Amino acid sequence: MPIAQTDLETILREGFPDAEIAIEDLAGDGDHYKARIVSTAFAGLPRVRQHQLVYAALKGRMGGELHALALETSAPA
């Protein structure tokens, strides 16, 4: 069963409480999203590590409830 956009945002906010988060449903099917996350948790980390932190926050939902997630991550300017 696909994950709702509001549920995805809730999960990401739990993992990154200070973050500015914007989520877009790319296909309208609840299965393909784009997430833009700006968080102090990403400060000084390479992009690969930032994405690993996001996947960890999703607690195994990638590939199951969530088929595709395009990530745009950064630390605040």
N, C-alpha and C. Protein backbone atom coordinates (compact mmCIF):
# COMPACT_ATOMS: atom_id res chain seq x y z
N MET A 1 0.84 -1.18 0.00
CA MET A 1 0.00 0.00 0.00
C MET A 1 0.89 1.25 0.00
N PRO A 2 0.64 2.19 -0.90
CA PRO A 2 1.45 3.41 -0.97
C PRO A 2 1.34 4.25 0.31
N ILE A 3 2.30 5.07 0.51
CA ILE A 3 2.34 5.95 1.68
C ILE A 3 1.74 7.31 1.30
N ALA A 4 0.92 7.86 2.16
CA ALA A 4 0.31 9.17 1.91
C ALA A 4 1.36 10.27 2.08
N GLN A 5 1.21 11.33 1.32
CA GLN A 5 2.16 12.45 1.37
C GLN A 5 2.24 13.02 2.78
N THR A 6 1.11 13.14 3.46
CA THR A 6 1.12 13.68 4.83
C THR A 6 1.85 12.74 5.78
N ASP A 7 1.72 11.43 5.57
CA ASP A 7 2.43 10.47 6.42
C ASP A 7 3.94 10.55 6.18
N LEU A 8 4.32 10.70 4.92
CA LEU A 8 5.74 10.84 4.59
C LEU A 8 6.31 12.08 5.26
N GLU A 9 5.58 13.17 5.20
CA GLU A 9 6.05 14.41 5.83
C GLU A 9 6.17 14.23 7.34
N THR A 10 5.21 13.57 7.96
CA THR A 10 5.25 13.32 9.40
C THR A 10 6.49 12.51 9.78
N ILE A 11 6.76 11.47 9.02
CA ILE A 11 7.93 10.61 9.29
C ILE A 11 9.22 11.42 9.18
N LEU A 12 9.32 12.23 8.13
CA LEU A 12 10.53 13.04 7.93
C LEU A 12 10.66 14.11 9.02
N ARG A 13 9.56 14.68 9.46
CA ARG A 13 9.61 15.68 10.54
C ARG A 13 10.05 15.05 11.87
N GLU A 14 9.67 13.79 12.09
CA GLU A 14 10.13 13.09 13.29
C GLU A 14 11.64 12.91 13.24
N GLY A 15 12.17 12.60 12.07
CA GLY A 15 13.61 12.39 11.91
C GLY A 15 14.42 13.67 11.88
N PHE A 16 13.78 14.75 11.40
CA PHE A 16 14.46 16.04 11.25
C PHE A 16 13.55 17.15 11.77
N PRO A 17 13.40 17.26 13.10
CA PRO A 17 12.44 18.20 13.68
C PRO A 17 12.70 19.67 13.34
N ASP A 18 13.95 20.03 13.07
CA ASP A 18 14.28 21.44 12.78
C ASP A 18 14.14 21.76 11.29
N ALA A 19 13.83 20.78 10.47
CA ALA A 19 13.95 20.92 9.02
C ALA A 19 12.84 21.72 8.37
N GLU A 20 13.23 22.31 7.25
CA GLU A 20 12.27 22.88 6.31
C GLU A 20 12.06 21.75 5.28
N ILE A 21 10.82 21.28 5.16
CA ILE A 21 10.53 20.12 4.31
C ILE A 21 9.46 20.47 3.30
N ALA A 22 9.71 20.13 2.04
CA ALA A 22 8.72 20.30 0.98
C ALA A 22 8.63 18.97 0.23
N ILE A 23 7.42 18.45 0.07
CA ILE A 23 7.23 17.17 -0.60
C ILE A 23 6.30 17.36 -1.79
N GLU A 24 6.67 16.73 -2.88
CA GLU A 24 5.87 16.80 -4.10
C GLU A 24 5.58 15.37 -4.57
N ASP A 25 4.31 15.08 -4.86
CA ASP A 25 3.93 13.78 -5.42
C ASP A 25 4.16 13.87 -6.93
N LEU A 26 5.17 13.19 -7.42
CA LEU A 26 5.59 13.32 -8.81
C LEU A 26 4.65 12.66 -9.82
N ALA A 27 3.99 11.59 -9.41
CA ALA A 27 3.16 10.83 -10.36
C ALA A 27 1.69 10.81 -9.99
N GLY A 28 1.35 11.36 -8.83
CA GLY A 28 -0.04 11.34 -8.38
C GLY A 28 -0.51 9.99 -7.91
N ASP A 29 0.45 9.08 -7.66
CA ASP A 29 0.08 7.72 -7.28
C ASP A 29 0.46 7.36 -5.84
N GLY A 30 1.01 8.33 -5.10
CA GLY A 30 1.41 8.05 -3.72
C GLY A 30 2.61 7.13 -3.63
N ASP A 31 3.31 6.95 -4.73
CA ASP A 31 4.41 6.00 -4.78
C ASP A 31 5.73 6.64 -5.22
N HIS A 32 5.64 7.83 -5.83
CA HIS A 32 6.82 8.52 -6.37
C HIS A 32 6.82 9.97 -5.88
N TYR A 33 7.75 10.26 -4.98
CA TYR A 33 7.80 11.59 -4.38
C TYR A 33 9.15 12.26 -4.61
N LYS A 34 9.14 13.57 -4.47
CA LYS A 34 10.37 14.35 -4.39
C LYS A 34 10.31 15.07 -3.06
N ALA A 35 11.39 15.00 -2.31
CA ALA A 35 11.45 15.67 -1.01
C ALA A 35 12.65 16.61 -0.98
N ARG A 36 12.39 17.85 -0.58
CA ARG A 36 13.45 18.83 -0.36
C ARG A 36 13.53 19.03 1.14
N ILE A 37 14.69 18.74 1.72
CA ILE A 37 14.87 18.81 3.16
C ILE A 37 16.09 19.68 3.47
N VAL A 38 15.86 20.73 4.23
CA VAL A 38 16.95 21.60 4.67
C VAL A 38 17.03 21.46 6.19
N SER A 39 18.13 20.91 6.68
CA SER A 39 18.26 20.62 8.11
C SER A 39 19.68 20.84 8.60
N THR A 40 19.81 21.29 9.84
CA THR A 40 21.14 21.43 10.44
C THR A 40 21.81 20.07 10.60
N ALA A 41 21.04 18.99 10.59
CA ALA A 41 21.61 17.64 10.71
C ALA A 41 22.54 17.32 9.54
N PHE A 42 22.40 18.04 8.42
CA PHE A 42 23.21 17.78 7.24
C PHE A 42 24.48 18.62 7.18
N ALA A 43 24.67 19.52 8.12
CA ALA A 43 25.82 20.42 8.11
C ALA A 43 27.13 19.64 8.08
N GLY A 44 27.96 19.98 7.11
CA GLY A 44 29.28 19.37 7.01
C GLY A 44 29.31 17.96 6.45
N LEU A 45 28.16 17.41 6.07
CA LEU A 45 28.12 16.04 5.58
C LEU A 45 28.05 16.01 4.06
N PRO A 46 28.70 15.01 3.46
CA PRO A 46 28.56 14.86 2.00
C PRO A 46 27.13 14.43 1.66
N ARG A 47 26.73 14.70 0.44
CA ARG A 47 25.36 14.41 0.01
C ARG A 47 24.98 12.94 0.23
N VAL A 48 25.89 12.02 -0.03
CA VAL A 48 25.59 10.59 0.16
C VAL A 48 25.20 10.33 1.62
N ARG A 49 25.95 10.89 2.55
CA ARG A 49 25.65 10.69 3.98
C ARG A 49 24.32 11.35 4.35
N GLN A 50 24.04 12.52 3.77
CA GLN A 50 22.75 13.19 4.02
C GLN A 50 21.60 12.28 3.59
N HIS A 51 21.72 11.67 2.42
CA HIS A 51 20.67 10.79 1.92
C HIS A 51 20.55 9.53 2.78
N GLN A 52 21.68 9.03 3.27
CA GLN A 52 21.64 7.87 4.17
C GLN A 52 20.86 8.20 5.44
N LEU A 53 21.02 9.41 5.95
CA LEU A 53 20.26 9.82 7.14
C LEU A 53 18.77 9.85 6.85
N VAL A 54 18.40 10.31 5.65
CA VAL A 54 16.97 10.33 5.27
C VAL A 54 16.43 8.91 5.19
N TYR A 55 17.17 8.01 4.53
CA TYR A 55 16.72 6.62 4.42
C TYR A 55 16.59 5.98 5.80
N ALA A 56 17.50 6.30 6.71
CA ALA A 56 17.42 5.77 8.07
C ALA A 56 16.15 6.26 8.77
N ALA A 57 15.82 7.53 8.55
CA ALA A 57 14.61 8.10 9.16
C ALA A 57 13.34 7.43 8.61
N LEU A 58 13.41 6.91 7.39
CA LEU A 58 12.25 6.25 6.78
C LEU A 58 12.04 4.83 7.31
N LYS A 59 12.98 4.34 8.08
CA LYS A 59 12.87 3.05 8.78
C LYS A 59 12.38 1.91 7.89
N GLY A 60 13.06 1.69 6.79
CA GLY A 60 12.77 0.53 5.94
C GLY A 60 11.59 0.68 5.00
N ARG A 61 11.01 1.86 4.89
CA ARG A 61 9.85 2.03 4.01
C ARG A 61 10.23 2.13 2.53
N MET A 62 11.48 2.49 2.25
CA MET A 62 11.92 2.57 0.85
C MET A 62 11.87 1.17 0.23
N GLY A 63 11.32 1.11 -0.97
CA GLY A 63 11.23 -0.17 -1.66
C GLY A 63 9.99 -0.97 -1.27
N GLY A 64 9.31 -0.52 -0.23
CA GLY A 64 8.07 -1.18 0.19
C GLY A 64 6.91 -0.23 -0.02
N GLU A 65 6.53 0.47 1.07
CA GLU A 65 5.45 1.46 0.99
C GLU A 65 5.81 2.61 0.05
N LEU A 66 7.09 2.89 -0.04
CA LEU A 66 7.57 4.02 -0.83
C LEU A 66 8.48 3.49 -1.94
N HIS A 67 8.02 3.62 -3.17
CA HIS A 67 8.75 3.05 -4.31
C HIS A 67 9.92 3.93 -4.74
N ALA A 68 9.67 5.25 -4.87
CA ALA A 68 10.71 6.13 -5.36
C ALA A 68 10.68 7.46 -4.62
N LEU A 69 11.86 7.94 -4.25
CA LEU A 69 11.97 9.21 -3.55
C LEU A 69 13.19 9.96 -4.08
N ALA A 70 12.93 11.03 -4.82
CA ALA A 70 14.02 11.90 -5.28
C ALA A 70 14.33 12.85 -4.14
N LEU A 71 15.60 12.92 -3.76
CA LEU A 71 15.99 13.73 -2.61
C LEU A 71 16.81 14.94 -3.01
N GLU A 72 16.50 16.03 -2.36
CA GLU A 72 17.29 17.26 -2.47
C GLU A 72 17.54 17.66 -1.02
N THR A 73 18.76 17.49 -0.55
CA THR A 73 19.07 17.76 0.86
C THR A 73 20.17 18.82 0.96
N SER A 74 20.09 19.60 2.04
CA SER A 74 21.13 20.58 2.30
C SER A 74 21.02 21.09 3.73
N ALA A 75 22.08 21.73 4.18
CA ALA A 75 22.07 22.41 5.47
C ALA A 75 21.62 23.84 5.22
N PRO A 76 21.08 24.50 6.23
CA PRO A 76 20.69 25.91 6.05
C PRO A 76 21.89 26.75 5.64
N ALA A 77 21.64 27.76 4.85
CA ALA A 77 22.72 28.65 4.38
C ALA A 77 23.26 29.51 5.51
